[in-house]
Amino acid sequence: MSMQVARLYDFGDIRVELIPRPQPGPHDLLVRVTACGICSGDIMPWYIRRKAPLVLGHEPVGVVAEAGSAVRNFRPGERVFVHHHAPCFNCEACRRGEYVQCATWRASHIMPGGMAEYFLVSPTNQRDTIKLPDDVDDLDAVLVEPAACVIKSLRRSGLRAGESVLVIGLGIMGMMHVKLARHQGAGMIIGADLFEQRARRAEQIGADHGIVVAGDNLVEQVRDITGGAMADVVIVGPGTSRAIAQGIAAAGKAATVVQFTATPPEDEIVLRPHDLYFNETRLVPSYSCGPDETRQALELIQGGVLSAQELITHRFPLAQIHHAYEQAQKPDSLKVVVTF
């Protein structure tokens, strides 16, 4: 039997193709996809081109269509979220809770990807496959993986109740940082973006201030709003060295700056160690998420802290995958989801 998939050959060159449906072995699951989100990384040209050609999609939700004879924890008909990476739980990185540094986590994947009518889940990936409760619908469940990345980011930031937060970049991940920082008891929250509509939207969902960045005025605006104190926690969403440098400049004394997105490998940044030292500025990367965060994300979604109604702005069928990816790059989009 065949199935449809969305395969990317180059940025902007996505084709719906027919390929054979995967056949599960005795230890595998076959999942029928019901919805899959478009990740912010999928619309970064340098990042996605290095992976091409590939079947897109790593934020899938679906229904178990078949379970191999040796599978004990899942059965056909169960709705699931599946993470595209899962750790071994046995290596030194896993013992430290640093799951993304686990070699098994890095090597694991779903076959052929989430933008497919069906995909295969190996025993390894079943370690971060979660059964979905009935009161969490498919669109809400699409938020599990991106929300888990935000949970990890805020954990690594060391955010404490009452601290001020600056979120640079107000796409879907920036908006979820605003929502979850507010939920965790942050003090003043400032959202910054190039687009007015996103700045205003951030204020609607919990930011105290939404500022529009033009040229180099980000630091000046943050200084005015905070009375010179600057931000205790800075989340840098854009994957550029310039944005990271602005984030460091907008950080207050003993602040933490989180690099949330990868930069192109050739990007470099000039830092003044003197300033970092005397300001005690921490620069902390946060890459992806692990099983602890996916489960926390589901709890927050089930509790109504994050919802598809508030964060998902566009839905497209698989046949319109080109339009879906074009829409995901527009400033009036937050989360774009492909439904099956």
Foldseek 3Di string as FASTA:
>chain_A
DKWWFWWDAAQLDIDIDIDRQDDDAQQKWKWFWFKFWDDPQCNPRVNVNVVPGAGDTFLTKTFTCQHHNNYDPDHGGFIKTWGQFAAPCPDPCNVVVNRCPHPRRVPGGWPRHRRIRMIMAGNRRVNQMDTADPLQDRLLSSCLFLLLLLVQQVVQQVDAAAFEEEEEDQAQSSLSNQLVSVVRHYHAYEYEEQDPVSLVLSVVRHHPGRYHDDDLCPLVVQCVVVVNQFGQEYEQADAALVSQVSSVSRHGALHEYEDEDHHPPVGDHDDDVVCCVVSVYHYHYGYTHHNVSSVVSSVCSSVVSDGCVSFADEEAESVVVSVQSVVSPDPVGHMYMYGD
